[in-house]
Amino acid sequence: MSAIVGGVALALAIGLGVMNDDRGAYFLHSYLLNYVFYASISLGALFFVILQHLARAGWSTSLRRLAEILALVLPFWAVIFLPVVAVVASGSGSLYSWNDAEVVKASPLLQGKRPI
């Protein structure tokens, strides 16, 4: 049930973001910021688990189980990152302005930084 509610909320957010005048840039920036925040929690939990295993800590078993659960969703975060990859790969400048070919042509600084 919560997946359905989350899917409807995401579809509504995407719809409202696209209807805005900025081609969804505000939505994409919010999406990326929230993605990085929540993915960093999972990565921090994974670091904690690895550190506890390396130190062979016996005291942290119950706390480590919670961190393992938080780190278990990392494949989910990889799937959730695909929309960001799709936007960047399409050459859209809505997320990063330097990804737009017209902006790069107009800026001598960005022309000097482009790959050879």
PDB file of N, CA and C in Angstrom:
ATOM      1  N   MET A   1       0.817  -1.192   0.000  1.00  0.00           N
ATOM      2  CA  MET A   1       0.000   0.000   0.000  1.00  0.00           C
ATOM      3  C   MET A   1       0.862   1.258   0.000  1.00  0.00           C
ATOM      4  N   SER A   2       1.938   1.249   0.792  1.00  0.00           N
ATOM      5  CA  SER A   2       2.781   2.437   0.847  1.00  0.00           C
ATOM      6  C   SER A   2       3.514   2.667  -0.478  1.00  0.00           C
ATOM      7  N   ALA A   3       3.802   1.592  -1.217  1.00  0.00           N
ATOM      8  CA  ALA A   3       4.439   1.745  -2.524  1.00  0.00           C
ATOM      9  C   ALA A   3       3.492   2.434  -3.500  1.00  0.00           C
ATOM     10  N   ILE A   4       2.219   2.137  -3.396  1.00  0.00           N
ATOM     11  CA  ILE A   4       1.228   2.779  -4.267  1.00  0.00           C
ATOM     12  C   ILE A   4       1.121   4.261  -3.937  1.00  0.00           C
ATOM     13  N   VAL A   5       1.070   4.571  -2.656  1.00  0.00           N
ATOM     14  CA  VAL A   5       0.985   5.975  -2.234  1.00  0.00           C
ATOM     15  C   VAL A   5       2.247   6.724  -2.653  1.00  0.00           C
ATOM     16  N   GLY A   6       3.415   6.094  -2.480  1.00  0.00           N
ATOM     17  CA  GLY A   6       4.668   6.715  -2.900  1.00  0.00           C
ATOM     18  C   GLY A   6       4.726   6.927  -4.400  1.00  0.00           C
ATOM     19  N   GLY A   7       4.251   5.952  -5.170  1.00  0.00           N
ATOM     20  CA  GLY A   7       4.234   6.087  -6.623  1.00  0.00           C
ATOM     21  C   GLY A   7       3.313   7.197  -7.096  1.00  0.00           C
ATOM     22  N   VAL A   8       2.146   7.300  -6.464  1.00  0.00           N
ATOM     23  CA  VAL A   8       1.206   8.370  -6.818  1.00  0.00           C
ATOM     24  C   VAL A   8       1.797   9.730  -6.456  1.00  0.00           C
ATOM     25  N   ALA A   9       2.431   9.823  -5.286  1.00  0.00           N
ATOM     26  CA  ALA A   9       3.042  11.085  -4.878  1.00  0.00           C
ATOM     27  C   ALA A   9       4.187  11.472  -5.810  1.00  0.00           C
ATOM     28  N   LEU A  10       4.996  10.491  -6.236  1.00  0.00           N
ATOM     29  CA  LEU A  10       6.079  10.770  -7.162  1.00  0.00           C
ATOM     30  C   LEU A  10       5.542  11.216  -8.519  1.00  0.00           C
ATOM     31  N   ALA A  11       4.507  10.555  -9.005  1.00  0.00           N
ATOM     32  CA  ALA A  11       3.902  10.950 -10.276  1.00  0.00           C
ATOM     33  C   ALA A  11       3.322  12.362 -10.192  1.00  0.00           C
ATOM     34  N   LEU A  12       2.710  12.686  -9.076  1.00  0.00           N
ATOM     35  CA  LEU A  12       2.164  14.025  -8.877  1.00  0.00           C
ATOM     36  C   LEU A  12       3.280  15.060  -8.833  1.00  0.00           C
ATOM     37  N   ALA A  13       4.374  14.747  -8.147  1.00  0.00           N
ATOM     38  CA  ALA A  13       5.506  15.675  -8.071  1.00  0.00           C
ATOM     39  C   ALA A  13       6.140  15.889  -9.439  1.00  0.00           C
ATOM     40  N   ILE A  14       6.284  14.820 -10.210  1.00  0.00           N
ATOM     41  CA  ILE A  14       6.840  14.956 -11.555  1.00  0.00           C
ATOM     42  C   ILE A  14       5.908  15.781 -12.432  1.00  0.00           C
ATOM     43  N   GLY A  15       4.621  15.517 -12.347  1.00  0.00           N
ATOM     44  CA  GLY A  15       3.659  16.283 -13.132  1.00  0.00           C
ATOM     45  C   GLY A  15       3.674  17.757 -12.800  1.00  0.00           C
ATOM     46  N   LEU A  16       3.696  18.073 -11.518  1.00  0.00           N
ATOM     47  CA  LEU A  16       3.749  19.476 -11.120  1.00  0.00           C
ATOM     48  C   LEU A  16       5.084  20.113 -11.476  1.00  0.00           C
ATOM     49  N   GLY A  17       6.152  19.341 -11.403  1.00  0.00           N
ATOM     50  CA  GLY A  17       7.471  19.868 -11.750  1.00  0.00           C
ATOM     51  C   GLY A  17       7.602  20.171 -13.230  1.00  0.00           C
ATOM     52  N   VAL A  18       7.019  19.347 -14.069  1.00  0.00           N
ATOM     53  CA  VAL A  18       7.090  19.557 -15.515  1.00  0.00           C
ATOM     54  C   VAL A  18       6.209  20.727 -15.941  1.00  0.00           C
ATOM     55  N   MET A  19       5.108  20.937 -15.221  1.00  0.00           N
ATOM     56  CA  MET A  19       4.202  22.036 -15.573  1.00  0.00           C
ATOM     57  C   MET A  19       4.793  23.401 -15.222  1.00  0.00           C
ATOM     58  N   ASN A  20       5.825  23.437 -14.411  1.00  0.00           N
ATOM     59  CA  ASN A  20       6.463  24.686 -14.034  1.00  0.00           C
ATOM     60  C   ASN A  20       7.207  25.262 -15.236  1.00  0.00           C
ATOM     61  N   ASP A  21       7.532  26.539 -15.200  1.00  0.00           N
ATOM     62  CA  ASP A  21       8.170  27.200 -16.338  1.00  0.00           C
ATOM     63  C   ASP A  21       9.637  26.829 -16.536  1.00  0.00           C
ATOM     64  N   ASP A  22      10.265  26.204 -15.553  1.00  0.00           N
ATOM     65  CA  ASP A  22      11.698  25.933 -15.633  1.00  0.00           C
ATOM     66  C   ASP A  22      12.030  24.546 -16.186  1.00  0.00           C
ATOM     67  N   ARG A  23      11.134  23.899 -16.876  1.00  0.00           N
ATOM     68  CA  ARG A  23      11.317  22.578 -17.495  1.00  0.00           C
ATOM     69  C   ARG A  23      11.661  21.503 -16.474  1.00  0.00           C
ATOM     70  N   GLY A  24      11.167  21.637 -15.286  1.00  0.00           N
ATOM     71  CA  GLY A  24      11.390  20.630 -14.268  1.00  0.00           C
ATOM     72  C   GLY A  24      12.705  20.764 -13.535  1.00  0.00           C
ATOM     73  N   ALA A  25      13.416  21.874 -13.704  1.00  0.00           N
ATOM     74  CA  ALA A  25      14.719  22.040 -13.057  1.00  0.00           C
ATOM     75  C   ALA A  25      14.571  22.088 -11.540  1.00  0.00           C
ATOM     76  N   TYR A  26      13.554  22.762 -11.045  1.00  0.00           N
ATOM     77  CA  TYR A  26      13.347  22.839  -9.591  1.00  0.00           C
ATOM     78  C   TYR A  26      13.087  21.444  -9.021  1.00  0.00           C
ATOM     79  N   PHE A  27      12.274  20.664  -9.718  1.00  0.00           N
ATOM     80  CA  PHE A  27      12.004  19.296  -9.280  1.00  0.00           C
ATOM     81  C   PHE A  27      13.269  18.447  -9.304  1.00  0.00           C
ATOM     82  N   LEU A  28      14.059  18.554 -10.366  1.00  0.00           N
ATOM     83  CA  LEU A  28      15.275  17.751 -10.482  1.00  0.00           C
ATOM     84  C   LEU A  28      16.301  18.107  -9.417  1.00  0.00           C
ATOM     85  N   HIS A  29      16.431  19.393  -9.102  1.00  0.00           N
ATOM     86  CA  HIS A  29      17.355  19.792  -8.051  1.00  0.00           C
ATOM     87  C   HIS A  29      16.885  19.268  -6.692  1.00  0.00           C
ATOM     88  N   SER A  30      15.600  19.342  -6.437  1.00  0.00           N
ATOM     89  CA  SER A  30      15.066  18.811  -5.177  1.00  0.00           C
ATOM     90  C   SER A  30      15.236  17.299  -5.110  1.00  0.00           C
ATOM     91  N   TYR A  31      14.994  16.632  -6.215  1.00  0.00           N
ATOM     92  CA  TYR A  31      15.138  15.175  -6.288  1.00  0.00           C
ATOM     93  C   TYR A  31      16.578  14.768  -6.004  1.00  0.00           C
ATOM     94  N   LEU A  32      17.541  15.458  -6.632  1.00  0.00           N
ATOM     95  CA  LEU A  32      18.951  15.119  -6.444  1.00  0.00           C
ATOM     96  C   LEU A  32      19.396  15.399  -5.014  1.00  0.00           C
ATOM     97  N   LEU A  33      18.964  16.506  -4.438  1.00  0.00           N
ATOM     98  CA  LEU A  33      19.337  16.830  -3.065  1.00  0.00           C
ATOM     99  C   LEU A  33      18.811  15.788  -2.086  1.00  0.00           C
ATOM    100  N   ASN A  34      17.554  15.395  -2.231  1.00  0.00           N
ATOM    101  CA  ASN A  34      16.986  14.384  -1.351  1.00  0.00           C
ATOM    102  C   ASN A  34      17.608  13.019  -1.588  1.00  0.00           C
ATOM    103  N   TYR A  35      17.938  12.706  -2.830  1.00  0.00           N
ATOM    104  CA  TYR A  35      18.613  11.445  -3.119  1.00  0.00           C
ATOM    105  C   TYR A  35      19.953  11.368  -2.398  1.00  0.00           C
ATOM    106  N   VAL A  36      20.736  12.432  -2.489  1.00  0.00           N
ATOM    107  CA  VAL A  36      22.057  12.437  -1.863  1.00  0.00           C
ATOM    108  C   VAL A  36      21.926  12.337  -0.349  1.00  0.00           C
ATOM    109  N   PHE A  37      20.949  13.011   0.230  1.00  0.00           N
ATOM    110  CA  PHE A  37      20.759  12.963   1.678  1.00  0.00           C
ATOM    111  C   PHE A  37      20.467  11.542   2.150  1.00  0.00           C
ATOM    112  N   TYR A  38      19.483  10.903   1.547  1.00  0.00           N
ATOM    113  CA  TYR A  38      19.082   9.573   2.009  1.00  0.00           C
ATOM    114  C   TYR A  38      20.086   8.487   1.617  1.00  0.00           C
ATOM    115  N   ALA A  39      20.728   8.627   0.473  1.00  0.00           N
ATOM    116  CA  ALA A  39      21.753   7.656   0.090  1.00  0.00           C
ATOM    117  C   ALA A  39      22.962   7.765   1.009  1.00  0.00           C
ATOM    118  N   SER A  40      23.264   8.969   1.498  1.00  0.00           N
ATOM    119  CA  SER A  40      24.397   9.110   2.405  1.00  0.00           C
ATOM    120  C   SER A  40      24.119   8.441   3.749  1.00  0.00           C
ATOM    121  N   ILE A  41      22.868   8.390   4.166  1.00  0.00           N
ATOM    122  CA  ILE A  41      22.533   7.660   5.387  1.00  0.00           C
ATOM    123  C   ILE A  41      22.818   6.167   5.204  1.00  0.00           C
ATOM    124  N   SER A  42      22.428   5.623   4.064  1.00  0.00           N
ATOM    125  CA  SER A  42      22.688   4.209   3.792  1.00  0.00           C
ATOM    126  C   SER A  42      24.178   3.927   3.660  1.00  0.00           C
ATOM    127  N   LEU A  43      24.908   4.823   3.022  1.00  0.00           N
ATOM    128  CA  LEU A  43      26.354   4.626   2.894  1.00  0.00           C
ATOM    129  C   LEU A  43      27.059   4.746   4.245  1.00  0.00           C
ATOM    130  N   GLY A  44      26.582   5.646   5.086  1.00  0.00           N
ATOM    131  CA  GLY A  44      27.138   5.752   6.435  1.00  0.00           C
ATOM    132  C   GLY A  44      26.881   4.507   7.253  1.00  0.00           C
ATOM    133  N   ALA A  45      25.691   3.931   7.100  1.00  0.00           N
ATOM    134  CA  ALA A  45      25.376   2.682   7.799  1.00  0.00           C
ATOM    135  C   ALA A  45      26.257   1.545   7.298  1.00  0.00           C
ATOM    136  N   LEU A  46      26.504   1.511   5.987  1.00  0.00           N
ATOM    137  CA  LEU A  46      27.401   0.488   5.436  1.00  0.00           C
ATOM    138  C   LEU A  46      28.816   0.655   5.975  1.00  0.00           C
ATOM    139  N   PHE A  47      29.288   1.885   6.085  1.00  0.00           N
ATOM    140  CA  PHE A  47      30.600   2.141   6.658  1.00  0.00           C
ATOM    141  C   PHE A  47      30.661   1.673   8.107  1.00  0.00           C
ATOM    142  N   PHE A  48      29.592   1.923   8.854  1.00  0.00           N
ATOM    143  CA  PHE A  48      29.553   1.486  10.252  1.00  0.00           C
ATOM    144  C   PHE A  48      29.627  -0.038  10.341  1.00  0.00           C
ATOM    145  N   VAL A  49      28.905  -0.737   9.490  1.00  0.00           N
ATOM    146  CA  VAL A  49      28.926  -2.208   9.495  1.00  0.00           C
ATOM    147  C   VAL A  49      30.317  -2.724   9.146  1.00  0.00           C
ATOM    148  N   ILE A  50      30.925  -2.151   8.126  1.00  0.00           N
ATOM    149  CA  ILE A  50      32.263  -2.581   7.727  1.00  0.00           C
ATOM    150  C   ILE A  50      33.261  -2.330   8.857  1.00  0.00           C
ATOM    151  N   LEU A  51      33.157  -1.183   9.490  1.00  0.00           N
ATOM    152  CA  LEU A  51      34.063  -0.856  10.581  1.00  0.00           C
ATOM    153  C   LEU A  51      33.894  -1.812  11.757  1.00  0.00           C
ATOM    154  N   GLN A  52      32.661  -2.183  12.069  1.00  0.00           N
ATOM    155  CA  GLN A  52      32.426  -3.108  13.171  1.00  0.00           C
ATOM    156  C   GLN A  52      32.966  -4.508  12.863  1.00  0.00           C
ATOM    157  N   HIS A  53      32.843  -4.917  11.603  1.00  0.00           N
ATOM    158  CA  HIS A  53      33.384  -6.226  11.221  1.00  0.00           C
ATOM    159  C   HIS A  53      34.908  -6.212  11.223  1.00  0.00           C
ATOM    160  N   LEU A  54      35.497  -5.124  10.761  1.00  0.00           N
ATOM    161  CA  LEU A  54      36.961  -5.053  10.757  1.00  0.00           C
ATOM    162  C   LEU A  54      37.543  -5.052  12.165  1.00  0.00           C
ATOM    163  N   ALA A  55      36.847  -4.396  13.085  1.00  0.00           N
ATOM    164  CA  ALA A  55      37.327  -4.329  14.466  1.00  0.00           C
ATOM    165  C   ALA A  55      36.923  -5.554  15.277  1.00  0.00           C
ATOM    166  N   ARG A  56      36.109  -6.427  14.672  1.00  0.00           N
ATOM    167  CA  ARG A  56      35.583  -7.611  15.361  1.00  0.00           C
ATOM    168  C   ARG A  56      34.903  -7.235  16.674  1.00  0.00           C
ATOM    169  N   ALA A  57      34.100  -6.178  16.591  1.00  0.00           N
ATOM    170  CA  ALA A  57      33.420  -5.673  17.782  1.00  0.00           C
ATOM    171  C   ALA A  57      32.239  -6.576  18.123  1.00  0.00           C
ATOM    172  N   GLY A  58      32.193  -7.033  19.339  1.00  0.00           N
ATOM    173  CA  GLY A  58      31.100  -7.888  19.772  1.00  0.00           C
ATOM    174  C   GLY A  58      29.985  -7.113  20.456  1.00  0.00           C
ATOM    175  N   TRP A  59      30.297  -5.911  20.904  1.00  0.00           N
ATOM    176  CA  TRP A  59      29.321  -5.124  21.649  1.00  0.00           C
ATOM    177  C   TRP A  59      28.211  -4.571  20.758  1.00  0.00           C
ATOM    178  N   SER A  60      28.469  -4.457  19.461  1.00  0.00           N
ATOM    179  CA  SER A  60      27.556  -3.712  18.590  1.00  0.00           C
ATOM    180  C   SER A  60      26.613  -4.598  17.785  1.00  0.00           C
ATOM    181  N   THR A  61      26.350  -5.799  18.239  1.00  0.00           N
ATOM    182  CA  THR A  61      25.549  -6.726  17.437  1.00  0.00           C
ATOM    183  C   THR A  61      24.151  -6.192  17.168  1.00  0.00           C
ATOM    184  N   SER A  62      23.468  -5.737  18.196  1.00  0.00           N
ATOM    185  CA  SER A  62      22.100  -5.255  17.976  1.00  0.00           C
ATOM    186  C   SER A  62      22.083  -3.952  17.198  1.00  0.00           C
ATOM    187  N   LEU A  63      23.045  -3.093  17.440  1.00  0.00           N
ATOM    188  CA  LEU A  63      23.123  -1.836  16.695  1.00  0.00           C
ATOM    189  C   LEU A  63      23.560  -2.086  15.256  1.00  0.00           C
ATOM    190  N   ARG A  64      24.422  -3.070  15.069  1.00  0.00           N
ATOM    191  CA  ARG A  64      24.892  -3.402  13.728  1.00  0.00           C
ATOM    192  C   ARG A  64      23.762  -3.950  12.862  1.00  0.00           C
ATOM    193  N   ARG A  65      22.827  -4.657  13.472  1.00  0.00           N
ATOM    194  CA  ARG A  65      21.693  -5.193  12.699  1.00  0.00           C
ATOM    195  C   ARG A  65      20.859  -4.059  12.103  1.00  0.00           C
ATOM    196  N   LEU A  66      20.667  -3.001  12.860  1.00  0.00           N
ATOM    197  CA  LEU A  66      19.928  -1.847  12.348  1.00  0.00           C
ATOM    198  C   LEU A  66      20.686  -1.187  11.199  1.00  0.00           C
ATOM    199  N   ALA A  67      22.001  -1.069  11.350  1.00  0.00           N
ATOM    200  CA  ALA A  67      22.817  -0.491  10.285  1.00  0.00           C
ATOM    201  C   ALA A  67      22.811  -1.381   9.044  1.00  0.00           C
ATOM    202  N   GLU A  68      22.771  -2.692   9.230  1.00  0.00           N
ATOM    203  CA  GLU A  68      22.711  -3.606   8.087  1.00  0.00           C
ATOM    204  C   GLU A  68      21.402  -3.430   7.326  1.00  0.00           C
ATOM    205  N   ILE A  69      20.331  -3.209   8.052  1.00  0.00           N
ATOM    206  CA  ILE A  69      19.031  -2.976   7.406  1.00  0.00           C
ATOM    207  C   ILE A  69      19.061  -1.673   6.605  1.00  0.00           C
ATOM    208  N   LEU A  70      19.673  -0.642   7.186  1.00  0.00           N
ATOM    209  CA  LEU A  70      19.778   0.630   6.469  1.00  0.00           C
ATOM    210  C   LEU A  70      20.665   0.505   5.232  1.00  0.00           C
ATOM    211  N   ALA A  71      21.720  -0.313   5.320  1.00  0.00           N
ATOM    212  CA  ALA A  71      22.613  -0.494   4.182  1.00  0.00           C
ATOM    213  C   ALA A  71      22.016  -1.431   3.127  1.00  0.00           C
ATOM    214  N   LEU A  72      21.010  -2.189   3.500  1.00  0.00           N
ATOM    215  CA  LEU A  72      20.396  -3.151   2.582  1.00  0.00           C
ATOM    216  C   LEU A  72      19.683  -2.467   1.417  1.00  0.00           C
ATOM    217  N   VAL A  73      19.327  -1.210   1.563  1.00  0.00           N
ATOM    218  CA  VAL A  73      18.576  -0.521   0.515  1.00  0.00           C
ATOM    219  C   VAL A  73      19.478   0.150  -0.523  1.00  0.00           C
ATOM    220  N   LEU A  74      20.774  -0.091  -0.490  1.00  0.00           N
ATOM    221  CA  LEU A  74      21.673   0.520  -1.474  1.00  0.00           C
ATOM    222  C   LEU A  74      21.334   0.140  -2.920  1.00  0.00           C
ATOM    223  N   PRO A  75      20.948  -1.102  -3.238  1.00  0.00           N
ATOM    224  CA  PRO A  75      20.516  -1.380  -4.615  1.00  0.00           C
ATOM    225  C   PRO A  75      19.277  -0.571  -5.018  1.00  0.00           C
ATOM    226  N   PHE A  76      18.414  -0.311  -4.068  1.00  0.00           N
ATOM    227  CA  PHE A  76      17.250   0.540  -4.328  1.00  0.00           C
ATOM    228  C   PHE A  76      17.695   1.949  -4.714  1.00  0.00           C
ATOM    229  N   TRP A  77      18.716   2.472  -4.033  1.00  0.00           N
ATOM    230  CA  TRP A  77      19.217   3.814  -4.350  1.00  0.00           C
ATOM    231  C   TRP A  77      19.850   3.848  -5.727  1.00  0.00           C
ATOM    232  N   ALA A  78      20.432   2.748  -6.156  1.00  0.00           N
ATOM    233  CA  ALA A  78      20.999   2.695  -7.510  1.00  0.00           C
ATOM    234  C   ALA A  78      19.891   2.813  -8.559  1.00  0.00           C
ATOM    235  N   VAL A  79      18.765   2.181  -8.310  1.00  0.00           N
ATOM    236  CA  VAL A  79      17.634   2.272  -9.242  1.00  0.00           C
ATOM    237  C   VAL A  79      17.033   3.670  -9.225  1.00  0.00           C
ATOM    238  N   ILE A  80      16.942   4.258  -8.049  1.00  0.00           N
ATOM    239  CA  ILE A  80      16.366   5.591  -7.916  1.00  0.00           C
ATOM    240  C   ILE A  80      17.255   6.648  -8.581  1.00  0.00           C
ATOM    241  N   PHE A  81      18.540   6.360  -8.761  1.00  0.00           N
ATOM    242  CA  PHE A  81      19.451   7.303  -9.395  1.00  0.00           C
ATOM    243  C   PHE A  81      19.302   7.330 -10.914  1.00  0.00           C
ATOM    244  N   LEU A  82      18.645   6.358 -11.501  1.00  0.00           N
ATOM    245  CA  LEU A  82      18.525   6.271 -12.963  1.00  0.00           C
ATOM    246  C   LEU A  82      17.869   7.495 -13.608  1.00  0.00           C
ATOM    247  N   PRO A  83      16.847   8.135 -13.014  1.00  0.00           N
ATOM    248  CA  PRO A  83      16.321   9.353 -13.643  1.00  0.00           C
ATOM    249  C   PRO A  83      17.352  10.470 -13.752  1.00  0.00           C
ATOM    250  N   VAL A  84      18.227  10.594 -12.779  1.00  0.00           N
ATOM    251  CA  VAL A  84      19.274  11.618 -12.847  1.00  0.00           C
ATOM    252  C   VAL A  84      20.245  11.288 -13.977  1.00  0.00           C
ATOM    253  N   VAL A  85      20.601  10.023 -14.103  1.00  0.00           N
ATOM    254  CA  VAL A  85      21.493   9.602 -15.185  1.00  0.00           C
ATOM    255  C   VAL A  85      20.831   9.853 -16.539  1.00  0.00           C
ATOM    256  N   ALA A  86      19.540   9.582 -16.642  1.00  0.00           N
ATOM    257  CA  ALA A  86      18.829   9.788 -17.905  1.00  0.00           C
ATOM    258  C   ALA A  86      18.794  11.262 -18.292  1.00  0.00           C
ATOM    259  N   VAL A  87      18.582  12.132 -17.329  1.00  0.00           N
ATOM    260  CA  VAL A  87      18.539  13.574 -17.624  1.00  0.00           C
ATOM    261  C   VAL A  87      19.905  14.067 -18.066  1.00  0.00           C
ATOM    262  N   VAL A  88      20.957  13.636 -17.393  1.00  0.00           N
ATOM    263  CA  VAL A  88      22.309  14.078 -17.751  1.00  0.00           C
ATOM    264  C   VAL A  88      22.724  13.481 -19.097  1.00  0.00           C
ATOM    265  N   ALA A  89      22.403  12.212 -19.335  1.00  0.00           N
ATOM    266  CA  ALA A  89      22.789  11.565 -20.593  1.00  0.00           C
ATOM    267  C   ALA A  89      22.039  12.135 -21.794  1.00  0.00           C
ATOM    268  N   SER A  90      20.864  12.679 -21.565  1.00  0.00           N
ATOM    269  CA  SER A  90      20.102  13.246 -22.674  1.00  0.00           C
ATOM    270  C   SER A  90      20.651  14.588 -23.130  1.00  0.00           C
ATOM    271  N   GLY A  91      21.557  15.184 -22.362  1.00  0.00           N
ATOM    272  CA  GLY A  91      22.129  16.475 -22.750  1.00  0.00           C
ATOM    273  C   GLY A  91      21.291  17.648 -22.313  1.00  0.00           C
ATOM    274  N   SER A  92      20.331  17.405 -21.458  1.00  0.00           N
ATOM    275  CA  SER A  92      19.472  18.486 -20.969  1.00  0.00           C
ATOM    276  C   SER A  92      20.253  19.353 -19.990  1.00  0.00           C
ATOM    277  N   GLY A  93      20.058  20.641 -20.081  1.00  0.00           N
ATOM    278  CA  GLY A  93      20.717  21.571 -19.176  1.00  0.00           C
ATOM    279  C   GLY A  93      19.862  21.936 -17.992  1.00  0.00           C
ATOM    280  N   SER A  94      18.787  21.190 -17.745  1.00  0.00           N
ATOM    281  CA  SER A  94      17.890  21.554 -16.655  1.00  0.00           C
ATOM    282  C   SER A  94      18.472  21.229 -15.287  1.00  0.00           C
ATOM    283  N   LEU A  95      19.350  20.237 -15.198  1.00  0.00           N
ATOM    284  CA  LEU A  95      19.965  19.912 -13.917  1.00  0.00           C
ATOM    285  C   LEU A  95      21.333  20.571 -13.783  1.00  0.00           C
ATOM    286  N   TYR A  96      22.135  20.470 -14.803  1.00  0.00           N
ATOM    287  CA  TYR A  96      23.455  21.110 -14.837  1.00  0.00           C
ATOM    288  C   TYR A  96      23.517  21.971 -16.083  1.00  0.00           C
ATOM    289  N   SER A  97      23.740  23.262 -15.908  1.00  0.00           N
ATOM    290  CA  SER A  97      23.710  24.160 -17.060  1.00  0.00           C
ATOM    291  C   SER A  97      24.841  23.859 -18.045  1.00  0.00           C
ATOM    292  N   TRP A  98      25.997  23.387 -17.556  1.00  0.00           N
ATOM    293  CA  TRP A  98      27.113  23.104 -18.445  1.00  0.00           C
ATOM    294  C   TRP A  98      26.922  21.827 -19.247  1.00  0.00           C
ATOM    295  N   ASN A  99      25.820  21.131 -19.035  1.00  0.00           N
ATOM    296  CA  ASN A  99      25.526  19.936 -19.817  1.00  0.00           C
ATOM    297  C   ASN A  99      24.831  20.296 -21.131  1.00  0.00           C
ATOM    298  N   ASP A 100      24.388  21.519 -21.257  1.00  0.00           N
ATOM    299  CA  ASP A 100      23.703  21.990 -22.464  1.00  0.00           C
ATOM    300  C   ASP A 100      24.747  22.435 -23.492  1.00  0.00           C
ATOM    301  N   ALA A 101      24.645  21.929 -24.715  1.00  0.00           N
ATOM    302  CA  ALA A 101      25.620  22.233 -25.762  1.00  0.00           C
ATOM    303  C   ALA A 101      25.614  23.711 -26.127  1.00  0.00           C
ATOM    304  N   GLU A 102      24.460  24.360 -26.089  1.00  0.00           N
ATOM    305  CA  GLU A 102      24.378  25.789 -26.435  1.00  0.00           C
ATOM    306  C   GLU A 102      25.092  26.649 -25.395  1.00  0.00           C
ATOM    307  N   VAL A 103      24.998  26.268 -24.144  1.00  0.00           N
ATOM    308  CA  VAL A 103      25.684  27.017 -23.088  1.00  0.00           C
ATOM    309  C   VAL A 103      27.186  26.861 -23.226  1.00  0.00           C
ATOM    310  N   VAL A 104      27.644  25.669 -23.584  1.00  0.00           N
ATOM    311  CA  VAL A 104      29.080  25.425 -23.755  1.00  0.00           C
ATOM    312  C   VAL A 104      29.618  26.224 -24.936  1.00  0.00           C
ATOM    313  N   LYS A 105      28.849  26.314 -26.016  1.00  0.00           N
ATOM    314  CA  LYS A 105      29.285  27.093 -27.181  1.00  0.00           C
ATOM    315  C   LYS A 105      29.412  28.574 -26.859  1.00  0.00           C
ATOM    316  N   ALA A 106      28.565  29.073 -25.986  1.00  0.00           N
ATOM    317  CA  ALA A 106      28.556  30.501 -25.672  1.00  0.00           C
ATOM    318  C   ALA A 106      29.603  30.882 -24.629  1.00  0.00           C
ATOM    319  N   SER A 107      30.171  29.939 -23.927  1.00  0.00           N
ATOM    320  CA  SER A 107      31.112  30.244 -22.852  1.00  0.00           C
ATOM    321  C   SER A 107      32.528  29.779 -23.211  1.00  0.00           C
ATOM    322  N   PRO A 108      33.479  30.708 -23.328  1.00  0.00           N
ATOM    323  CA  PRO A 108      34.851  30.288 -23.616  1.00  0.00           C
ATOM    324  C   PRO A 108      35.472  29.500 -22.458  1.00  0.00           C
ATOM    325  N   LEU A 109      35.040  29.779 -21.241  1.00  0.00           N
ATOM    326  CA  LEU A 109      35.557  29.033 -20.096  1.00  0.00           C
ATOM    327  C   LEU A 109      35.150  27.562 -20.175  1.00  0.00           C
ATOM    328  N   LEU A 110      33.876  27.304 -20.503  1.00  0.00           N
ATOM    329  CA  LEU A 110      33.413  25.923 -20.617  1.00  0.00           C
ATOM    330  C   LEU A 110      33.997  25.230 -21.836  1.00  0.00           C
ATOM    331  N   GLN A 111      34.289  25.980 -22.889  1.00  0.00           N
ATOM    332  CA  GLN A 111      34.931  25.374 -24.053  1.00  0.00           C
ATOM    333  C   GLN A 111      36.324  24.886 -23.710  1.00  0.00           C
ATOM    334  N   GLY A 112      37.027  25.612 -22.856  1.00  0.00           N
ATOM    335  CA  GLY A 112      38.358  25.189 -22.441  1.00  0.00           C
ATOM    336  C   GLY A 112      38.325  23.988 -21.522  1.00  0.00           C
ATOM    337  N   LYS A 113      37.200  23.749 -20.860  1.00  0.00           N
ATOM    338  CA  LYS A 113      37.085  22.625 -19.908  1.00  0.00           C
ATOM    339  C   LYS A 113      36.479  21.378 -20.525  1.00  0.00           C
ATOM    340  N   ARG A 114      35.994  21.472 -21.749  1.00  0.00           N
ATOM    341  CA  ARG A 114      35.351  20.280 -22.333  1.00  0.00           C
ATOM    342  C   ARG A 114      36.376  19.206 -22.641  1.00  0.00           C
ATOM    343  N   PRO A 115      35.931  17.960 -22.679  1.00  0.00           N
ATOM    344  CA  PRO A 115      36.885  16.878 -22.968  1.00  0.00           C
ATOM    345  C   PRO A 115      37.366  16.932 -24.414  1.00  0.00           C
ATOM    346  N   ILE A 116      38.525  16.435 -24.618  1.00  0.00           N
ATOM    347  CA  ILE A 116      39.115  16.468 -25.973  1.00  0.00           C
ATOM    348  C   ILE A 116      38.551  15.358 -26.815  1.00  0.00           C
TER     349      ILE A 116
END
